[in-house]
C-alpha atoms as a PDB file:
ATOM      1  CA  MET A   1      24.243 -32.308  70.852  1.00  0.00           C
ATOM      2  CA  SER A   2      21.084 -32.466  72.962  1.00  0.00           C
ATOM      3  CA  ARG A   3      17.805 -33.393  71.310  1.00  0.00           C
ATOM      4  CA  PHE A   4      14.363 -32.142  72.278  1.00  0.00           C
ATOM      5  CA  ILE A   5      11.150 -33.906  71.186  1.00  0.00           C
ATOM      6  CA  PRO A   6       7.982 -31.865  71.857  1.00  0.00           C
ATOM      7  CA  ALA A   7       4.828 -33.495  73.226  1.00  0.00           C
ATOM      8  CA  VAL A   8       1.578 -32.357  74.772  1.00  0.00           C
ATOM      9  CA  ALA A   9       0.701 -35.293  77.038  1.00  0.00           C
ATOM     10  CA  ARG A  10       2.997 -36.531  79.810  1.00  0.00           C
ATOM     11  CA  ALA A  11       3.602 -40.254  80.184  1.00  0.00           C
ATOM     12  CA  SER A  12       4.919 -40.097  83.745  1.00  0.00           C
ATOM     13  CA  GLU A  13       6.472 -37.793  86.319  1.00  0.00           C
ATOM     14  CA  PRO A  14       9.706 -39.422  87.479  1.00  0.00           C
ATOM     15  CA  ASP A  15      11.936 -37.555  89.891  1.00  0.00           C
ATOM     16  CA  ALA A  16      14.440 -37.239  87.064  1.00  0.00           C
ATOM     17  CA  SER A  17      12.135 -34.990  85.026  1.00  0.00           C
ATOM     18  CA  ARG A  18      13.490 -31.522  84.268  1.00  0.00           C
ATOM     19  CA  TRP A  19      11.409 -28.554  85.396  1.00  0.00           C
ATOM     20  CA  PHE A  20      11.497 -25.147  83.735  1.00  0.00           C
ATOM     21  CA  VAL A  21      10.152 -22.965  86.564  1.00  0.00           C
ATOM     22  CA  VAL A  22       9.142 -19.534  85.340  1.00  0.00           C
ATOM     23  CA  ARG A  23       8.497 -16.358  87.320  1.00  0.00           C
ATOM     24  CA  GLY A  24       7.225 -13.758  84.868  1.00  0.00           C
ATOM     25  CA  GLY A  25       9.887 -13.872  82.147  1.00  0.00           C
ATOM     26  CA  GLU A  26      12.575 -15.303  84.450  1.00  0.00           C
ATOM     27  CA  LEU A  27      13.795 -18.875  84.672  1.00  0.00           C
ATOM     28  CA  LEU A  28      14.884 -20.779  87.800  1.00  0.00           C
ATOM     29  CA  ILE A  29      18.349 -22.271  87.360  1.00  0.00           C
ATOM     30  CA  CYS A  30      21.111 -23.558  89.625  1.00  0.00           C
ATOM     31  CA  ASP A  31      23.141 -20.694  91.058  1.00  0.00           C
ATOM     32  CA  GLY A  32      26.402 -22.485  90.341  1.00  0.00           C
ATOM     33  CA  ASN A  33      28.762 -23.609  87.641  1.00  0.00           C
ATOM     34  CA  ASP A  34      26.506 -26.295  86.176  1.00  0.00           C
ATOM     35  CA  GLY A  35      23.786 -23.835  85.161  1.00  0.00           C
ATOM     36  CA  ARG A  36      20.987 -26.392  85.101  1.00  0.00           C
ATOM     37  CA  VAL A  37      17.243 -26.328  85.681  1.00  0.00           C
ATOM     38  CA  PRO A  38      15.936 -28.184  88.740  1.00  0.00           C
ATOM     39  CA  LEU A  39      14.910 -31.845  88.686  1.00  0.00           C
ATOM     40  CA  GLY A  40      11.526 -33.153  89.781  1.00  0.00           C
ATOM     41  CA  SER A  41      12.818 -34.300  93.165  1.00  0.00           C
ATOM     42  CA  GLU A  42      14.174 -30.808  93.882  1.00  0.00           C
ATOM     43  CA  VAL A  43      10.970 -29.075  92.819  1.00  0.00           C
ATOM     44  CA  GLY A  44       9.031 -31.339  95.176  1.00  0.00           C
ATOM     45  CA  ALA A  45      11.394 -30.526  98.022  1.00  0.00           C
ATOM     46  CA  PHE A  46      11.139 -26.789  97.317  1.00  0.00           C
ATOM     47  CA  GLY A  47       7.363 -26.916  97.850  1.00  0.00           C
ATOM     48  CA  LEU A  48       6.726 -24.553  94.959  1.00  0.00           C
ATOM     49  CA  ALA A  49       3.050 -23.957  94.224  1.00  0.00           C
ATOM     50  CA  PRO A  50       2.364 -23.791  90.477  1.00  0.00           C
ATOM     51  CA  VAL A  51       0.042 -21.096  89.142  1.00  0.00           C
ATOM     52  CA  ARG A  52      -0.103 -23.218  85.958  1.00  0.00           C
ATOM     53  CA  ARG A  53       1.893 -26.018  84.438  1.00  0.00           C
ATOM     54  CA  LEU A  54       2.363 -27.641  81.033  1.00  0.00           C
ATOM     55  CA  HIS A  55       4.137 -30.698  79.714  1.00  0.00           C
ATOM     56  CA  LEU A  56       6.651 -29.770  77.014  1.00  0.00           C
ATOM     57  CA  GLY A  57       8.116 -33.055  75.819  1.00  0.00           C
ATOM     58  CA  ALA A  58      11.419 -34.830  76.379  1.00  0.00           C
ATOM     59  CA  LEU A  59      15.005 -33.548  76.370  1.00  0.00           C
ATOM     60  CA  ASP A  60      17.511 -36.333  75.753  1.00  0.00           C
ATOM     61  CA  GLY A  61      14.804 -38.780  76.735  1.00  0.00           C
ATOM     62  CA  VAL A  62      14.016 -37.064  80.048  1.00  0.00           C
ATOM     63  CA  PRO A  63      10.491 -35.628  80.521  1.00  0.00           C
ATOM     64  CA  VAL A  64      10.293 -31.847  80.592  1.00  0.00           C
ATOM     65  CA  GLU A  65       7.697 -29.832  82.519  1.00  0.00           C
ATOM     66  CA  ALA A  66       7.011 -26.100  82.647  1.00  0.00           C
ATOM     67  CA  MET A  67       5.675 -24.420  85.776  1.00  0.00           C
ATOM     68  CA  ALA A  68       4.648 -20.810  86.326  1.00  0.00           C
ATOM     69  CA  VAL A  69       4.911 -19.475  89.877  1.00  0.00           C
ATOM     70  CA  GLY A  70       3.693 -16.272  91.476  1.00  0.00           C
ATOM     71  CA  ALA A  71       5.576 -12.999  91.219  1.00  0.00           C
ATOM     72  CA  ASP A  72       6.352 -13.056  94.975  1.00  0.00           C
ATOM     73  CA  VAL A  73       8.049 -16.503  94.922  1.00  0.00           C
ATOM     74  CA  GLU A  74      11.682 -16.366  96.030  1.00  0.00           C
ATOM     75  CA  ALA A  75      14.351 -18.617  94.551  1.00  0.00           C
ATOM     76  CA  PRO A  76      15.209 -21.613  96.762  1.00  0.00           C
ATOM     77  CA  GLU A  77      18.694 -21.849  98.237  1.00  0.00           C
ATOM     78  CA  GLY A  78      21.272 -22.711  95.596  1.00  0.00           C
ATOM     79  CA  PHE A  79      19.099 -21.454  92.742  1.00  0.00           C
ATOM     80  CA  ALA A  80      18.305 -18.065  91.187  1.00  0.00           C
ATOM     81  CA  PHE A  81      15.737 -16.566  88.833  1.00  0.00           C
ATOM     82  CA  VAL A  82      17.444 -15.129  85.755  1.00  0.00           C
ATOM     83  CA  GLY A  83      16.194 -13.517  82.553  1.00  0.00           C
ATOM     84  CA  LEU A  84      16.243 -15.513  79.328  1.00  0.00           C
ATOM     85  CA  ARG A  85      19.035 -13.427  77.829  1.00  0.00           C
ATOM     86  CA  GLU A  86      21.240 -14.004  80.863  1.00  0.00           C
ATOM     87  CA  ALA A  87      20.341 -17.703  80.887  1.00  0.00           C
ATOM     88  CA  PHE A  88      21.738 -18.171  77.358  1.00  0.00           C
ATOM     89  CA  GLY A  89      25.285 -18.134  78.648  1.00  0.00           C
ATOM     90  CA  LEU A  90      24.406 -20.588  81.414  1.00  0.00           C
ATOM     91  CA  LEU A  91      22.355 -23.176  79.526  1.00  0.00           C
ATOM     92  CA  GLY A  92      23.169 -25.082  76.350  1.00  0.00           C
ATOM     93  CA  GLU A  93      21.597 -23.849  73.118  1.00  0.00           C
ATOM     94  CA  VAL A  94      18.959 -26.588  72.915  1.00  0.00           C
ATOM     95  CA  GLU A  95      18.074 -26.254  76.594  1.00  0.00           C
ATOM     96  CA  TRP A  96      17.827 -22.463  76.180  1.00  0.00           C
ATOM     97  CA  ASN A  97      15.391 -22.948  73.297  1.00  0.00           C
ATOM     98  CA  VAL A  98      13.287 -25.211  75.525  1.00  0.00           C
ATOM     99  CA  ALA A  99      13.367 -22.501  78.204  1.00  0.00           C
ATOM    100  CA  GLY A 100      12.065 -20.028  75.639  1.00  0.00           C
ATOM    101  CA  ARG A 101       9.317 -22.479  74.706  1.00  0.00           C
ATOM    102  CA  ALA A 102       8.354 -22.801  78.383  1.00  0.00           C
ATOM    103  CA  VAL A 103       8.125 -19.025  78.860  1.00  0.00           C
ATOM    104  CA  GLN A 104       6.088 -18.539  75.678  1.00  0.00           C
ATOM    105  CA  LEU A 105       3.668 -21.410  76.231  1.00  0.00           C
ATOM    106  CA  LEU A 106       2.989 -20.542  79.867  1.00  0.00           C
ATOM    107  CA  GLU A 107       2.235 -16.943  78.867  1.00  0.00           C
ATOM    108  CA  TRP A 108       0.015 -18.091  76.007  1.00  0.00           C
ATOM    109  CA  ASP A 109      -1.866 -20.395  78.370  1.00  0.00           C
ATOM    110  CA  ARG A 110      -2.330 -17.519  80.842  1.00  0.00           C
ATOM    111  CA  THR A 111      -3.650 -15.092  78.264  1.00  0.00           C
ATOM    112  CA  HIS A 112      -6.057 -17.541  76.565  1.00  0.00           C
ATOM    113  CA  ARG A 113      -8.029 -18.734  79.587  1.00  0.00           C
ATOM    114  CA  HIS A 114     -11.095 -17.048  78.100  1.00  0.00           C
ATOM    115  CA  CYS A 115     -12.460 -17.039  74.577  1.00  0.00           C
ATOM    116  CA  GLY A 116     -11.585 -13.980  72.515  1.00  0.00           C
ATOM    117  CA  ALA A 117     -14.960 -14.161  70.719  1.00  0.00           C
ATOM    118  CA  CYS A 118     -17.549 -14.787  73.446  1.00  0.00           C
ATOM    119  CA  GLY A 119     -15.614 -14.541  76.728  1.00  0.00           C
ATOM    120  CA  ALA A 120     -16.407 -18.052  77.950  1.00  0.00           C
ATOM    121  CA  GLU A 121     -13.721 -20.015  79.803  1.00  0.00           C
ATOM    122  CA  THR A 122     -11.658 -22.142  77.444  1.00  0.00           C
ATOM    123  CA  GLU A 123     -10.521 -25.738  77.901  1.00  0.00           C
ATOM    124  CA  PRO A 124      -7.302 -27.515  76.856  1.00  0.00           C
ATOM    125  CA  LEU A 125      -7.761 -29.468  73.649  1.00  0.00           C
ATOM    126  CA  VAL A 126      -6.829 -33.112  74.220  1.00  0.00           C
ATOM    127  CA  GLY A 127      -3.858 -34.209  72.137  1.00  0.00           C
ATOM    128  CA  GLU A 128      -3.050 -30.747  70.768  1.00  0.00           C
ATOM    129  CA  ARG A 129      -1.355 -27.596  71.996  1.00  0.00           C
ATOM    130  CA  ALA A 130      -4.545 -25.535  71.852  1.00  0.00           C
ATOM    131  CA  ARG A 131      -7.416 -24.223  73.937  1.00  0.00           C
ATOM    132  CA  ARG A 132     -11.024 -24.436  72.714  1.00  0.00           C
ATOM    133  CA  CYS A 133     -14.135 -22.559  73.744  1.00  0.00           C
ATOM    134  CA  PRO A 134     -16.903 -25.015  74.730  1.00  0.00           C
ATOM    135  CA  ASP A 135     -19.584 -22.441  73.898  1.00  0.00           C
ATOM    136  CA  CYS A 136     -18.700 -21.142  70.423  1.00  0.00           C
ATOM    137  CA  GLY A 137     -15.981 -23.584  69.379  1.00  0.00           C
ATOM    138  CA  LEU A 138     -13.255 -21.002  68.760  1.00  0.00           C
ATOM    139  CA  THR A 139      -9.837 -22.691  69.017  1.00  0.00           C
ATOM    140  CA  ALA A 140      -6.721 -20.773  70.016  1.00  0.00           C
ATOM    141  CA  PHE A 141      -3.236 -22.031  69.192  1.00  0.00           C
ATOM    142  CA  PRO A 142       0.036 -20.615  70.557  1.00  0.00           C
ATOM    143  CA  ARG A 143       0.852 -17.335  68.886  1.00  0.00           C
ATOM    144  CA  LEU A 144       3.910 -16.979  66.693  1.00  0.00           C
ATOM    145  CA  SER A 145       4.978 -13.673  65.137  1.00  0.00           C
ATOM    146  CA  PRO A 146       7.402 -14.117  62.208  1.00  0.00           C
ATOM    147  CA  ALA A 147      10.056 -11.438  61.775  1.00  0.00           C
ATOM    148  CA  ILE A 148      12.805 -11.011  59.207  1.00  0.00           C
ATOM    149  CA  ILE A 149      16.406  -9.967  59.866  1.00  0.00           C
ATOM    150  CA  VAL A 150      18.776  -9.120  57.060  1.00  0.00           C
ATOM    151  CA  ALA A 151      22.515  -8.850  56.429  1.00  0.00           C
ATOM    152  CA  ILE A 152      22.797  -6.347  53.567  1.00  0.00           C
ATOM    153  CA  GLU A 153      26.046  -6.371  51.613  1.00  0.00           C
ATOM    154  CA  ARG A 154      27.568  -3.772  49.326  1.00  0.00           C
ATOM    155  CA  GLY A 155      30.784  -5.136  47.898  1.00  0.00           C
ATOM    156  CA  ASP A 156      32.925  -5.954  50.921  1.00  0.00           C
ATOM    157  CA  GLU A 157      30.806  -3.889  53.310  1.00  0.00           C
ATOM    158  CA  ILE A 158      27.814  -4.764  55.519  1.00  0.00           C
ATOM    159  CA  LEU A 159      25.064  -2.412  56.632  1.00  0.00           C
ATOM    160  CA  LEU A 160      24.626  -2.192  60.400  1.00  0.00           C
ATOM    161  CA  ALA A 161      22.129  -0.027  62.259  1.00  0.00           C
ATOM    162  CA  ARG A 162      21.380   0.916  65.837  1.00  0.00           C
ATOM    163  CA  GLY A 163      18.130   1.715  67.600  1.00  0.00           C
ATOM    164  CA  PRO A 164      17.661   4.416  70.249  1.00  0.00           C
ATOM    165  CA  ARG A 165      17.653   1.790  73.058  1.00  0.00           C
ATOM    166  CA  PHE A 166      20.840   0.024  72.036  1.00  0.00           C
ATOM    167  CA  ALA A 167      23.858   0.037  74.347  1.00  0.00           C
ATOM    168  CA  PRO A 168      26.365   2.782  73.434  1.00  0.00           C
ATOM    169  CA  GLY A 169      28.406   1.841  70.379  1.00  0.00           C
ATOM    170  CA  ARG A 170      26.334  -1.284  69.632  1.00  0.00           C
ATOM    171  CA  TYR A 171      25.059  -1.934  66.099  1.00  0.00           C
ATOM    172  CA  ALA A 172      23.014  -4.813  64.650  1.00  0.00           C
ATOM    173  CA  LEU A 173      21.071  -5.784  61.518  1.00  0.00           C
ATOM    174  CA  VAL A 174      17.858  -4.372  60.094  1.00  0.00           C
ATOM    175  CA  ALA A 175      14.880  -6.426  61.244  1.00  0.00           C
ATOM    176  CA  GLY A 176      11.099  -6.162  61.405  1.00  0.00           C
ATOM    177  CA  PHE A 177       7.858  -8.076  61.618  1.00  0.00           C
ATOM    178  CA  VAL A 178       6.129  -9.649  58.635  1.00  0.00           C
ATOM    179  CA  GLU A 179       2.801  -8.005  57.826  1.00  0.00           C
ATOM    180  CA  ALA A 180      -0.434  -9.730  56.796  1.00  0.00           C
ATOM    181  CA  GLY A 181      -0.431 -10.653  53.121  1.00  0.00           C
ATOM    182  CA  GLU A 182       3.353 -10.436  52.721  1.00  0.00           C
ATOM    183  CA  SER A 183       5.837 -13.078  51.692  1.00  0.00           C
ATOM    184  CA  LEU A 184       9.066 -13.159  53.673  1.00  0.00           C
ATOM    185  CA  GLU A 185      10.916 -11.659  50.711  1.00  0.00           C
ATOM    186  CA  ASP A 186       8.350  -8.860  50.454  1.00  0.00           C
ATOM    187  CA  ALA A 187       8.876  -8.112  54.142  1.00  0.00           C
ATOM    188  CA  VAL A 188      12.665  -7.957  53.647  1.00  0.00           C
ATOM    189  CA  ALA A 189      12.388  -5.425  50.835  1.00  0.00           C
ATOM    190  CA  ARG A 190       9.774  -3.304  52.647  1.00  0.00           C
ATOM    191  CA  GLU A 191      11.564  -3.185  56.011  1.00  0.00           C
ATOM    192  CA  ILE A 192      14.854  -2.199  54.408  1.00  0.00           C
ATOM    193  CA  ARG A 193      13.162   0.476  52.330  1.00  0.00           C
ATOM    194  CA  GLU A 194      11.264   1.868  55.311  1.00  0.00           C
ATOM    195  CA  GLU A 195      14.078   1.791  57.848  1.00  0.00           C
ATOM    196  CA  VAL A 196      17.154   2.723  55.838  1.00  0.00           C
ATOM    197  CA  GLY A 197      15.767   3.922  52.482  1.00  0.00           C
ATOM    198  CA  ILE A 198      17.670   1.652  50.107  1.00  0.00           C
ATOM    199  CA  ALA A 199      16.722  -1.041  47.586  1.00  0.00           C
ATOM    200  CA  VAL A 200      18.025  -4.621  47.664  1.00  0.00           C
ATOM    201  CA  ASP A 201      18.066  -7.676  45.435  1.00  0.00           C
ATOM    202  CA  GLN A 202      19.402 -11.247  45.594  1.00  0.00           C
ATOM    203  CA  ILE A 203      17.400 -11.885  48.796  1.00  0.00           C
ATOM    204  CA  THR A 204      18.576 -15.267  50.036  1.00  0.00           C
ATOM    205  CA  TYR A 205      17.284 -17.291  52.997  1.00  0.00           C
ATOM    206  CA  VAL A 206      19.999 -18.378  55.458  1.00  0.00           C
ATOM    207  CA  ALA A 207      18.480 -19.727  58.704  1.00  0.00           C
ATOM    208  CA  SER A 208      15.826 -19.180  61.351  1.00  0.00           C
ATOM    209  CA  GLN A 209      15.762 -19.024  65.113  1.00  0.00           C
ATOM    210  CA  PRO A 210      12.976 -19.177  67.708  1.00  0.00           C
ATOM    211  CA  TRP A 211      13.123 -15.905  69.605  1.00  0.00           C
ATOM    212  CA  PRO A 212      11.042 -15.783  72.786  1.00  0.00           C
ATOM    213  CA  PHE A 213      10.946 -11.976  73.166  1.00  0.00           C
ATOM    214  CA  PRO A 214       8.056 -12.441  73.496  1.00  0.00           C
ATOM    215  CA  HIS A 215       6.926 -14.958  70.809  1.00  0.00           C
ATOM    216  CA  SER A 216       8.791 -14.425  67.543  1.00  0.00           C
ATOM    217  CA  LEU A 217      10.367 -16.573  64.881  1.00  0.00           C
ATOM    218  CA  MET A 218      13.357 -14.749  63.425  1.00  0.00           C
ATOM    219  CA  VAL A 219      13.993 -15.601  59.772  1.00  0.00           C
ATOM    220  CA  GLY A 220      17.463 -14.605  58.569  1.00  0.00           C
ATOM    221  CA  PHE A 221      18.428 -13.473  55.069  1.00  0.00           C
ATOM    222  CA  PHE A 222      21.316 -12.068  53.081  1.00  0.00           C
ATOM    223  CA  ALA A 223      20.573  -9.369  50.515  1.00  0.00           C
ATOM    224  CA  ARG A 224      22.620  -7.228  48.125  1.00  0.00           C
ATOM    225  CA  HIS A 225      22.464  -3.456  47.930  1.00  0.00           C
ATOM    226  CA  ALA A 226      20.719  -2.559  44.648  1.00  0.00           C
ATOM    227  CA  GLY A 227      20.584   1.221  44.853  1.00  0.00           C
ATOM    228  CA  GLY A 228      19.953   4.294  46.952  1.00  0.00           C
ATOM    229  CA  GLU A 229      21.693   6.067  49.794  1.00  0.00           C
ATOM    230  CA  ILE A 230      21.050   5.440  53.476  1.00  0.00           C
ATOM    231  CA  ARG A 231      18.132   7.462  54.800  1.00  0.00           C
ATOM    232  CA  VAL A 232      17.106   6.341  58.272  1.00  0.00           C
ATOM    233  CA  ASP A 233      13.592   6.254  59.684  1.00  0.00           C
ATOM    234  CA  GLU A 234      14.270   8.260  62.824  1.00  0.00           C
ATOM    235  CA  ASP A 235      11.320   6.676  64.638  1.00  0.00           C
ATOM    236  CA  GLU A 236      12.994   3.249  64.392  1.00  0.00           C
ATOM    237  CA  ILE A 237      16.679   3.845  63.662  1.00  0.00           C
ATOM    238  CA  GLU A 238      19.146   6.170  65.338  1.00  0.00           C
ATOM    239  CA  ASP A 239      22.015   5.528  62.896  1.00  0.00           C
ATOM    240  CA  ALA A 240      22.934   3.200  60.037  1.00  0.00           C
ATOM    241  CA  ARG A 241      26.265   2.870  58.189  1.00  0.00           C
ATOM    242  CA  TRP A 242      28.296   0.631  55.906  1.00  0.00           C
ATOM    243  CA  PHE A 243      31.133  -1.150  57.699  1.00  0.00           C
ATOM    244  CA  ARG A 244      34.086  -3.218  56.491  1.00  0.00           C
ATOM    245  CA  VAL A 245      34.902  -6.453  58.295  1.00  0.00           C
ATOM    246  CA  ASP A 246      38.116  -4.925  59.666  1.00  0.00           C
ATOM    247  CA  ALA A 247      36.270  -1.928  61.129  1.00  0.00           C
ATOM    248  CA  LEU A 248      33.126  -3.336  62.728  1.00  0.00           C
ATOM    249  CA  PRO A 249      31.539  -1.541  65.681  1.00  0.00           C
ATOM    250  CA  GLY A 250      30.165  -3.289  68.738  1.00  0.00           C
ATOM    251  CA  ILE A 251      27.951  -6.164  67.529  1.00  0.00           C
ATOM    252  CA  PRO A 252      25.623  -8.690  69.208  1.00  0.00           C
ATOM    253  CA  GLN A 253      27.213 -11.519  71.156  1.00  0.00           C
ATOM    254  CA  ARG A 254      26.646 -15.124  70.142  1.00  0.00           C
ATOM    255  CA  LEU A 255      23.043 -15.273  71.302  1.00  0.00           C
ATOM    256  CA  SER A 256      21.051 -14.249  68.266  1.00  0.00           C
ATOM    257  CA  ILE A 257      20.745 -15.071  64.601  1.00  0.00           C
ATOM    258  CA  ALA A 258      21.946 -11.502  64.017  1.00  0.00           C
ATOM    259  CA  ARG A 259      25.410 -12.528  65.186  1.00  0.00           C
ATOM    260  CA  ARG A 260      25.273 -15.735  63.125  1.00  0.00           C
ATOM    261  CA  LEU A 261      24.639 -13.686  59.976  1.00  0.00           C
ATOM    262  CA  ILE A 262      27.385 -11.192  60.816  1.00  0.00           C
ATOM    263  CA  ASP A 263      29.802 -14.074  61.493  1.00  0.00           C
ATOM    264  CA  ARG A 264      28.947 -15.552  58.104  1.00  0.00           C
ATOM    265  CA  TYR A 265      29.647 -12.206  56.420  1.00  0.00           C
ATOM    266  CA  ALA A 266      33.004 -12.044  58.214  1.00  0.00           C
ATOM    267  CA  ALA A 267      33.886 -15.615  57.245  1.00  0.00           C
ATOM    268  CA  LYS A 268      33.318 -14.766  53.577  1.00  0.00           C
ATOM    269  CA  HIS A 269      36.147 -12.239  53.994  1.00  0.00           C
ATOM    270  CA  GLY A 270      38.457 -14.626  55.854  1.00  0.00           C
ATOM    271  CA  VAL A 271      37.829 -13.238  59.352  1.00  0.00           C
ATOM    272  CA  THR A 272      36.725 -15.048  62.507  1.00  0.00           C
ATOM    273  CA  LEU A 273      35.102 -12.651  64.937  1.00  0.00           C
ATOM    274  CA  GLU A 274      35.658 -12.869  68.669  1.00  0.00           C
ATOM    275  CA  ASP A 275      33.336 -11.793  71.452  1.00  0.00           C
ATOM    276  CA  PRO A 276      34.472  -8.686  73.375  1.00  0.00           C
END
């Protein structure tokens, strides 16, 4: 499996460096079967003009750079700009996470060019991923918004819900952002109570996943139904139901931690789920 080591300062810029070229929220990748990001030699040949750039670290020992280009830049021949969700099926998991890091950090760098306290122009902080105001000293670090996502079980059933913007027939797990002053477990109980009106217990951490839409960290849990009937918050949820593993509706593909949690629920009942 690939290994990524983050770093702020670049040691060199060999032609073999990998470049994550970003246009808005889209990534430049090879328009072919290999689904790779361009190398340094290719980026130089393309003549792309960076709006901003950042060093990210090293992927399998190869330096990694991020470059933002203007909205009017066209993809060079043999390459295409694709959204992060589409890129997941074209890049490996580790490389996709680096792509998400590139998109997030370039956007953070763009939106923190000026101090949020006094308005002065900020400067990169040497040796750290941060920008500091030279006038008032305020330091801004990349933003991260933690969110919880929960697989709720009731006997051999799992609770799945759908939002108004979901594709027809698609259901997923209850999720929501952590509020100031909350623990992760508090956020789990509150979000479930607010969105589907039930109580839970046995809240158990499972795994986490960086989620660059736009700058979240998804923290996954299992929980057990502890009482109450489903009562959906119609502002957030269109429908929510209990499903058995042999009667699941459309569920997320293997992109998100939501699917990982649903797969784990299915495995507990001796079922391996397939993508549609």
